[in-house]
Amino acid sequence: MRAVYDRGRRSTWLTVSAADGSTARAAPDGAVSRTGPREIWPGVEAVYDRWMEAGRPGRERYGLTVAAGRRWVWLDRADREWG
């Protein structure tokens, strides 16, 4: 997320980037601009919806495990993949 100033007012923009150069940028008015070879904004919306459905848990409840050539994100329990 990045804060920008417009005519002296502070605005917050959300920018999401992928390794392949795809980006999505959400403006304060809700408009989304996209660049790159892939459409990544639907994935951002899907993760947001899942977060809302989970009761908006704080980031301290999430973890990432990398083991045996695989990786997964978990919520509350490292032995259970969140996804």
PDB file of N, CA and C in Angstrom:
ATOM      1  N   MET A   1       0.854  -1.163   0.000  1.00  0.00           N
ATOM      2  CA  MET A   1       0.000   0.000   0.000  1.00  0.00           C
ATOM      3  C   MET A   1       0.901   1.227   0.000  1.00  0.00           C
ATOM      4  N   ARG A   2       0.445   2.256  -0.672  1.00  0.00           N
ATOM      5  CA  ARG A   2       1.253   3.452  -0.804  1.00  0.00           C
ATOM      6  C   ARG A   2       0.368   4.668  -0.597  1.00  0.00           C
ATOM      7  N   ALA A   3       0.856   5.629   0.162  1.00  0.00           N
ATOM      8  CA  ALA A   3       0.119   6.876   0.367  1.00  0.00           C
ATOM      9  C   ALA A   3       0.640   7.919  -0.614  1.00  0.00           C
ATOM     10  N   VAL A   4      -0.270   8.637  -1.234  1.00  0.00           N
ATOM     11  CA  VAL A   4       0.112   9.712  -2.148  1.00  0.00           C
ATOM     12  C   VAL A   4      -0.641  10.974  -1.742  1.00  0.00           C
ATOM     13  N   TYR A   5      -0.120  12.112  -2.175  1.00  0.00           N
ATOM     14  CA  TYR A   5      -0.752  13.388  -1.852  1.00  0.00           C
ATOM     15  C   TYR A   5      -1.320  14.010  -3.118  1.00  0.00           C
ATOM     16  N   ASP A   6      -2.539  14.460  -3.018  1.00  0.00           N
ATOM     17  CA  ASP A   6      -3.225  15.076  -4.149  1.00  0.00           C
ATOM     18  C   ASP A   6      -3.797  16.403  -3.664  1.00  0.00           C
ATOM     19  N   ARG A   7      -3.245  17.504  -4.174  1.00  0.00           N
ATOM     20  CA  ARG A   7      -3.695  18.842  -3.781  1.00  0.00           C
ATOM     21  C   ARG A   7      -3.655  19.032  -2.258  1.00  0.00           C
ATOM     22  N   GLY A   8      -2.589  18.514  -1.661  1.00  0.00           N
ATOM     23  CA  GLY A   8      -2.419  18.708  -0.228  1.00  0.00           C
ATOM     24  C   GLY A   8      -3.177  17.723   0.642  1.00  0.00           C
ATOM     25  N   ARG A   9      -4.027  16.890   0.038  1.00  0.00           N
ATOM     26  CA  ARG A   9      -4.764  15.883   0.808  1.00  0.00           C
ATOM     27  C   ARG A   9      -4.051  14.553   0.668  1.00  0.00           C
ATOM     28  N   ARG A  10      -4.045  13.786   1.742  1.00  0.00           N
ATOM     29  CA  ARG A  10      -3.397  12.478   1.693  1.00  0.00           C
ATOM     30  C   ARG A  10      -4.418  11.457   1.210  1.00  0.00           C
ATOM     31  N   SER A  11      -4.025  10.655   0.234  1.00  0.00           N
ATOM     32  CA  SER A  11      -4.859   9.581  -0.289  1.00  0.00           C
ATOM     33  C   SER A  11      -4.086   8.277  -0.182  1.00  0.00           C
ATOM     34  N   THR A  12      -4.773   7.182  -0.004  1.00  0.00           N
ATOM     35  CA  THR A  12      -4.119   5.891   0.078  1.00  0.00           C
ATOM     36  C   THR A  12      -4.480   5.064  -1.139  1.00  0.00           C
ATOM     37  N   TRP A  13      -3.475   4.553  -1.812  1.00  0.00           N
ATOM     38  CA  TRP A  13      -3.631   3.695  -2.984  1.00  0.00           C
ATOM     39  C   TRP A  13      -3.130   2.318  -2.610  1.00  0.00           C
ATOM     40  N   LEU A  14      -3.770   1.299  -3.070  1.00  0.00           N
ATOM     41  CA  LEU A  14      -3.305  -0.069  -2.867  1.00  0.00           C
ATOM     42  C   LEU A  14      -2.731  -0.572  -4.174  1.00  0.00           C
ATOM     43  N   THR A  15      -1.466  -0.984  -4.139  1.00  0.00           N
ATOM     44  CA  THR A  15      -0.818  -1.528  -5.325  1.00  0.00           C
ATOM     45  C   THR A  15      -0.381  -2.956  -5.024  1.00  0.00           C
ATOM     46  N   VAL A  16      -0.778  -3.890  -5.890  1.00  0.00           N
ATOM     47  CA  VAL A  16      -0.423  -5.301  -5.753  1.00  0.00           C
ATOM     48  C   VAL A  16       0.364  -5.683  -7.003  1.00  0.00           C
ATOM     49  N   SER A  17       1.506  -6.355  -6.796  1.00  0.00           N
ATOM     50  CA  SER A  17       2.357  -6.754  -7.908  1.00  0.00           C
ATOM     51  C   SER A  17       2.646  -8.244  -7.850  1.00  0.00           C
ATOM     52  N   ALA A  18       2.803  -8.850  -9.011  1.00  0.00           N
ATOM     53  CA  ALA A  18       3.171 -10.267  -9.118  1.00  0.00           C
ATOM     54  C   ALA A  18       4.552 -10.373  -9.745  1.00  0.00           C
ATOM     55  N   ALA A  19       5.178 -11.511  -9.584  1.00  0.00           N
ATOM     56  CA  ALA A  19       6.537 -11.727 -10.092  1.00  0.00           C
ATOM     57  C   ALA A  19       6.636 -11.570 -11.610  1.00  0.00           C
ATOM     58  N   ASP A  20       5.540 -11.833 -12.326  1.00  0.00           N
ATOM     59  CA  ASP A  20       5.582 -11.733 -13.788  1.00  0.00           C
ATOM     60  C   ASP A  20       5.391 -10.313 -14.307  1.00  0.00           C
ATOM     61  N   GLY A  21       5.325  -9.329 -13.394  1.00  0.00           N
ATOM     62  CA  GLY A  21       5.163  -7.937 -13.792  1.00  0.00           C
ATOM     63  C   GLY A  21       3.729  -7.460 -13.827  1.00  0.00           C
ATOM     64  N   SER A  22       2.783  -8.333 -13.568  1.00  0.00           N
ATOM     65  CA  SER A  22       1.377  -7.932 -13.512  1.00  0.00           C
ATOM     66  C   SER A  22       1.156  -7.081 -12.266  1.00  0.00           C
ATOM     67  N   THR A  23       0.367  -6.022 -12.410  1.00  0.00           N
ATOM     68  CA  THR A  23       0.046  -5.171 -11.275  1.00  0.00           C
ATOM     69  C   THR A  23      -1.424  -4.782 -11.319  1.00  0.00           C
ATOM     70  N   ALA A  24      -1.939  -4.466 -10.144  1.00  0.00           N
ATOM     71  CA  ALA A  24      -3.283  -3.907 -10.017  1.00  0.00           C
ATOM     72  C   ALA A  24      -3.170  -2.782  -8.999  1.00  0.00           C
ATOM     73  N   ARG A  25      -3.793  -1.660  -9.304  1.00  0.00           N
ATOM     74  CA  ARG A  25      -3.711  -0.493  -8.429  1.00  0.00           C
ATOM     75  C   ARG A  25      -5.118   0.026  -8.183  1.00  0.00           C
ATOM     76  N   ALA A  26      -5.499   0.051  -6.911  1.00  0.00           N
ATOM     77  CA  ALA A  26      -6.831   0.534  -6.531  1.00  0.00           C
ATOM     78  C   ALA A  26      -6.712   1.970  -6.026  1.00  0.00           C
ATOM     79  N   ALA A  27      -7.485   2.846  -6.624  1.00  0.00           N
ATOM     80  CA  ALA A  27      -7.498   4.257  -6.252  1.00  0.00           C
ATOM     81  C   ALA A  27      -8.470   4.480  -5.093  1.00  0.00           C
ATOM     82  N   PRO A  28      -8.349   5.610  -4.404  1.00  0.00           N
ATOM     83  CA  PRO A  28      -9.264   5.898  -3.298  1.00  0.00           C
ATOM     84  C   PRO A  28     -10.742   5.896  -3.695  1.00  0.00           C
ATOM     85  N   ASP A  29     -11.035   6.179  -4.962  1.00  0.00           N
ATOM     86  CA  ASP A  29     -12.435   6.185  -5.400  1.00  0.00           C
ATOM     87  C   ASP A  29     -12.939   4.798  -5.795  1.00  0.00           C
ATOM     88  N   GLY A  30     -12.075   3.763  -5.663  1.00  0.00           N
ATOM     89  CA  GLY A  30     -12.471   2.395  -5.983  1.00  0.00           C
ATOM     90  C   GLY A  30     -12.116   1.940  -7.383  1.00  0.00           C
ATOM     91  N   ALA A  31     -11.644   2.847  -8.215  1.00  0.00           N
ATOM     92  CA  ALA A  31     -11.250   2.463  -9.569  1.00  0.00           C
ATOM     93  C   ALA A  31      -9.983   1.613  -9.510  1.00  0.00           C
ATOM     94  N   VAL A  32      -9.928   0.577 -10.339  1.00  0.00           N
ATOM     95  CA  VAL A  32      -8.767  -0.314 -10.375  1.00  0.00           C
ATOM     96  C   VAL A  32      -8.138  -0.251 -11.758  1.00  0.00           C
ATOM     97  N   SER A  33      -6.828  -0.001 -11.794  1.00  0.00           N
ATOM     98  CA  SER A  33      -6.105  -0.045 -13.057  1.00  0.00           C
ATOM     99  C   SER A  33      -5.215  -1.281 -13.037  1.00  0.00           C
ATOM    100  N   ARG A  34      -5.027  -1.865 -14.206  1.00  0.00           N
ATOM    101  CA  ARG A  34      -4.289  -3.118 -14.322  1.00  0.00           C
ATOM    102  C   ARG A  34      -3.258  -3.014 -15.436  1.00  0.00           C
ATOM    103  N   THR A  35      -2.103  -3.655 -15.206  1.00  0.00           N
ATOM    104  CA  THR A  35      -1.082  -3.755 -16.240  1.00  0.00           C
ATOM    105  C   THR A  35      -0.452  -5.136 -16.165  1.00  0.00           C
ATOM    106  N   GLY A  36       0.223  -5.516 -17.229  1.00  0.00           N
ATOM    107  CA  GLY A  36       0.947  -6.772 -17.240  1.00  0.00           C
ATOM    108  C   GLY A  36       0.208  -7.884 -17.943  1.00  0.00           C
ATOM    109  N   PRO A  37       0.836  -9.043 -17.995  1.00  0.00           N
ATOM    110  CA  PRO A  37       0.287 -10.155 -18.771  1.00  0.00           C
ATOM    111  C   PRO A  37      -0.879 -10.894 -18.121  1.00  0.00           C
ATOM    112  N   ARG A  38      -1.113 -10.668 -16.829  1.00  0.00           N
ATOM    113  CA  ARG A  38      -2.131 -11.438 -16.124  1.00  0.00           C
ATOM    114  C   ARG A  38      -3.075 -10.542 -15.352  1.00  0.00           C
ATOM    115  N   GLU A  39      -4.305 -10.955 -15.224  1.00  0.00           N
ATOM    116  CA  GLU A  39      -5.313 -10.248 -14.428  1.00  0.00           C
ATOM    117  C   GLU A  39      -5.218 -10.756 -12.999  1.00  0.00           C
ATOM    118  N   ILE A  40      -4.688  -9.928 -12.068  1.00  0.00           N
ATOM    119  CA  ILE A  40      -4.501 -10.394 -10.691  1.00  0.00           C
ATOM    120  C   ILE A  40      -5.531  -9.848  -9.709  1.00  0.00           C
ATOM    121  N   TRP A  41      -6.317  -8.856 -10.101  1.00  0.00           N
ATOM    122  CA  TRP A  41      -7.268  -8.259  -9.166  1.00  0.00           C
ATOM    123  C   TRP A  41      -8.328  -9.250  -8.654  1.00  0.00           C
ATOM    124  N   PRO A  42      -8.865 -10.151  -9.472  1.00  0.00           N
ATOM    125  CA  PRO A  42      -9.835 -11.113  -8.933  1.00  0.00           C
ATOM    126  C   PRO A  42      -9.262 -11.946  -7.778  1.00  0.00           C
ATOM    127  N   GLY A  43      -7.968 -12.249  -7.829  1.00  0.00           N
ATOM    128  CA  GLY A  43      -7.338 -12.973  -6.727  1.00  0.00           C
ATOM    129  C   GLY A  43      -7.297 -12.145  -5.450  1.00  0.00           C
ATOM    130  N   VAL A  44      -7.054 -10.838  -5.587  1.00  0.00           N
ATOM    131  CA  VAL A  44      -7.059  -9.936  -4.433  1.00  0.00           C
ATOM    132  C   VAL A  44      -8.453  -9.915  -3.813  1.00  0.00           C
ATOM    133  N   GLU A  45      -9.476  -9.813  -4.640  1.00  0.00           N
ATOM    134  CA  GLU A  45     -10.854  -9.810  -4.134  1.00  0.00           C
ATOM    135  C   GLU A  45     -11.203 -11.129  -3.451  1.00  0.00           C
ATOM    136  N   ALA A  46     -10.744 -12.246  -4.003  1.00  0.00           N
ATOM    137  CA  ALA A  46     -11.030 -13.557  -3.408  1.00  0.00           C
ATOM    138  C   ALA A  46     -10.398 -13.685  -2.028  1.00  0.00           C
ATOM    139  N   VAL A  47      -9.155 -13.230  -1.892  1.00  0.00           N
ATOM    140  CA  VAL A  47      -8.492 -13.287  -0.579  1.00  0.00           C
ATOM    141  C   VAL A  47      -9.195 -12.372   0.410  1.00  0.00           C
ATOM    142  N   TYR A  48      -9.604 -11.202  -0.027  1.00  0.00           N
ATOM    143  CA  TYR A  48     -10.342 -10.282   0.848  1.00  0.00           C
ATOM    144  C   TYR A  48     -11.650 -10.919   1.318  1.00  0.00           C
ATOM    145  N   ASP A  49     -12.381 -11.552   0.404  1.00  0.00           N
ATOM    146  CA  ASP A  49     -13.638 -12.208   0.774  1.00  0.00           C
ATOM    147  C   ASP A  49     -13.410 -13.309   1.802  1.00  0.00           C
ATOM    148  N   ARG A  50     -12.355 -14.100   1.613  1.00  0.00           N
ATOM    149  CA  ARG A  50     -12.037 -15.172   2.570  1.00  0.00           C
ATOM    150  C   ARG A  50     -11.679 -14.598   3.930  1.00  0.00           C
ATOM    151  N   TRP A  51     -10.944 -13.499   3.946  1.00  0.00           N
ATOM    152  CA  TRP A  51     -10.570 -12.829   5.189  1.00  0.00           C
ATOM    153  C   TRP A  51     -11.814 -12.328   5.927  1.00  0.00           C
ATOM    154  N   MET A  52     -12.743 -11.733   5.180  1.00  0.00           N
ATOM    155  CA  MET A  52     -13.999 -11.269   5.788  1.00  0.00           C
ATOM    156  C   MET A  52     -14.787 -12.446   6.362  1.00  0.00           C
ATOM    157  N   GLU A  53     -14.890 -13.529   5.607  1.00  0.00           N
ATOM    158  CA  GLU A  53     -15.627 -14.712   6.055  1.00  0.00           C
ATOM    159  C   GLU A  53     -15.011 -15.330   7.307  1.00  0.00           C
ATOM    160  N   ALA A  54     -13.692 -15.173   7.472  1.00  0.00           N
ATOM    161  CA  ALA A  54     -13.000 -15.718   8.636  1.00  0.00           C
ATOM    162  C   ALA A  54     -13.115 -14.803   9.856  1.00  0.00           C
ATOM    163  N   GLY A  55     -13.848 -13.707   9.720  1.00  0.00           N
ATOM    164  CA  GLY A  55     -14.043 -12.794  10.838  1.00  0.00           C
ATOM    165  C   GLY A  55     -12.978 -11.715  10.957  1.00  0.00           C
ATOM    166  N   ARG A  56     -12.288 -11.418   9.855  1.00  0.00           N
ATOM    167  CA  ARG A  56     -11.271 -10.371   9.797  1.00  0.00           C
ATOM    168  C   ARG A  56     -10.145 -10.594  10.812  1.00  0.00           C
ATOM    169  N   PRO A  57      -9.539 -11.795  10.807  1.00  0.00           N
ATOM    170  CA  PRO A  57      -8.471 -12.071  11.778  1.00  0.00           C
ATOM    171  C   PRO A  57      -7.256 -11.179  11.575  1.00  0.00           C
ATOM    172  N   GLY A  58      -6.583 -10.860  12.673  1.00  0.00           N
ATOM    173  CA  GLY A  58      -5.366 -10.048  12.619  1.00  0.00           C
ATOM    174  C   GLY A  58      -4.209 -10.814  12.007  1.00  0.00           C
ATOM    175  N   ARG A  59      -3.245 -10.087  11.494  1.00  0.00           N
ATOM    176  CA  ARG A  59      -2.134 -10.731  10.801  1.00  0.00           C
ATOM    177  C   ARG A  59      -1.290 -11.609  11.715  1.00  0.00           C
ATOM    178  N   GLU A  60      -1.333 -11.372  13.019  1.00  0.00           N
ATOM    179  CA  GLU A  60      -0.568 -12.209  13.941  1.00  0.00           C
ATOM    180  C   GLU A  60      -1.087 -13.645  13.998  1.00  0.00           C
ATOM    181  N   ARG A  61      -2.270 -13.893  13.470  1.00  0.00           N
ATOM    182  CA  ARG A  61      -2.852 -15.240  13.455  1.00  0.00           C
ATOM    183  C   ARG A  61      -2.462 -16.041  12.214  1.00  0.00           C
ATOM    184  N   TYR A  62      -1.812 -15.406  11.257  1.00  0.00           N
ATOM    185  CA  TYR A  62      -1.413 -16.077  10.023  1.00  0.00           C
ATOM    186  C   TYR A  62       0.040 -16.507  10.089  1.00  0.00           C
ATOM    187  N   GLY A  63       0.359 -17.534   9.324  1.00  0.00           N
ATOM    188  CA  GLY A  63       1.743 -17.980   9.208  1.00  0.00           C
ATOM    189  C   GLY A  63       1.978 -18.552   7.832  1.00  0.00           C
ATOM    190  N   LEU A  64       3.242 -18.760   7.513  1.00  0.00           N
ATOM    191  CA  LEU A  64       3.653 -19.346   6.247  1.00  0.00           C
ATOM    192  C   LEU A  64       4.648 -20.447   6.566  1.00  0.00           C
ATOM    193  N   THR A  65       4.413 -21.631   6.044  1.00  0.00           N
ATOM    194  CA  THR A  65       5.325 -22.751   6.230  1.00  0.00           C
ATOM    195  C   THR A  65       5.892 -23.162   4.881  1.00  0.00           C
ATOM    196  N   VAL A  66       7.203 -23.382   4.846  1.00  0.00           N
ATOM    197  CA  VAL A  66       7.885 -23.874   3.656  1.00  0.00           C
ATOM    198  C   VAL A  66       8.593 -25.151   4.085  1.00  0.00           C
ATOM    199  N   ALA A  67       8.214 -26.270   3.471  1.00  0.00           N
ATOM    200  CA  ALA A  67       8.805 -27.561   3.847  1.00  0.00           C
ATOM    201  C   ALA A  67       8.677 -28.537   2.688  1.00  0.00           C
ATOM    202  N   ALA A  68       9.687 -29.361   2.529  1.00  0.00           N
ATOM    203  CA  ALA A  68       9.660 -30.445   1.532  1.00  0.00           C
ATOM    204  C   ALA A  68       9.246 -29.963   0.140  1.00  0.00           C
ATOM    205  N   GLY A  69       9.786 -28.817  -0.265  1.00  0.00           N
ATOM    206  CA  GLY A  69       9.518 -28.327  -1.606  1.00  0.00           C
ATOM    207  C   GLY A  69       8.125 -27.756  -1.814  1.00  0.00           C
ATOM    208  N   ARG A  70       7.402 -27.505  -0.765  1.00  0.00           N
ATOM    209  CA  ARG A  70       6.072 -26.897  -0.908  1.00  0.00           C
ATOM    210  C   ARG A  70       5.901 -25.813   0.137  1.00  0.00           C
ATOM    211  N   ARG A  71       4.931 -24.953  -0.062  1.00  0.00           N
ATOM    212  CA  ARG A  71       4.668 -23.872   0.895  1.00  0.00           C
ATOM    213  C   ARG A  71       3.175 -23.708   1.060  1.00  0.00           C
ATOM    214  N   TRP A  72       2.750 -23.251   2.245  1.00  0.00           N
ATOM    215  CA  TRP A  72       1.336 -22.997   2.464  1.00  0.00           C
ATOM    216  C   TRP A  72       1.150 -21.931   3.531  1.00  0.00           C
ATOM    217  N   VAL A  73       0.056 -21.224   3.397  1.00  0.00           N
ATOM    218  CA  VAL A  73      -0.359 -20.210   4.369  1.00  0.00           C
ATOM    219  C   VAL A  73      -1.352 -20.862   5.296  1.00  0.00           C
ATOM    220  N   TRP A  74      -1.263 -20.522   6.576  1.00  0.00           N
ATOM    221  CA  TRP A  74      -2.190 -21.090   7.551  1.00  0.00           C
ATOM    222  C   TRP A  74      -2.736 -20.002   8.461  1.00  0.00           C
ATOM    223  N   LEU A  75      -3.876 -20.310   9.056  1.00  0.00           N
ATOM    224  CA  LEU A  75      -4.545 -19.428  10.014  1.00  0.00           C
ATOM    225  C   LEU A  75      -4.711 -20.200  11.308  1.00  0.00           C
ATOM    226  N   ASP A  76      -4.073 -19.738  12.361  1.00  0.00           N
ATOM    227  CA  ASP A  76      -4.146 -20.301  13.714  1.00  0.00           C
ATOM    228  C   ASP A  76      -3.408 -21.627  13.890  1.00  0.00           C
ATOM    229  N   ARG A  77      -3.389 -22.495  12.891  1.00  0.00           N
ATOM    230  CA  ARG A  77      -2.769 -23.816  13.035  1.00  0.00           C
ATOM    231  C   ARG A  77      -1.850 -24.106  11.853  1.00  0.00           C
ATOM    232  N   ALA A  78      -0.574 -24.344  12.139  1.00  0.00           N
ATOM    233  CA  ALA A  78       0.404 -24.580  11.082  1.00  0.00           C
ATOM    234  C   ALA A  78       0.163 -25.883  10.335  1.00  0.00           C
ATOM    235  N   ASP A  79      -0.573 -26.810  10.935  1.00  0.00           N
ATOM    236  CA  ASP A  79      -0.808 -28.098  10.283  1.00  0.00           C
ATOM    237  C   ASP A  79      -2.035 -28.091   9.369  1.00  0.00           C
ATOM    238  N   ARG A  80      -2.662 -26.928   9.214  1.00  0.00           N
ATOM    239  CA  ARG A  80      -3.860 -26.851   8.383  1.00  0.00           C
ATOM    240  C   ARG A  80      -3.740 -25.683   7.412  1.00  0.00           C
ATOM    241  N   GLU A  81      -3.714 -25.993   6.128  1.00  0.00           N
ATOM    242  CA  GLU A  81      -3.565 -24.970   5.088  1.00  0.00           C
ATOM    243  C   GLU A  81      -4.805 -24.087   5.036  1.00  0.00           C
ATOM    244  N   TRP A  82      -4.584 -22.779   4.905  1.00  0.00           N
ATOM    245  CA  TRP A  82      -5.687 -21.816   4.755  1.00  0.00           C
ATOM    246  C   TRP A  82      -5.831 -21.546   3.267  1.00  0.00           C
ATOM    247  N   GLY A  83      -6.629 -22.327   2.635  1.00  0.00           N
ATOM    248  CA  GLY A  83      -6.763 -22.135   1.206  1.00  0.00           C
ATOM    249  C   GLY A  83      -7.229 -23.341   0.559  1.00  0.00           C
TER     250      GLY A  83
END
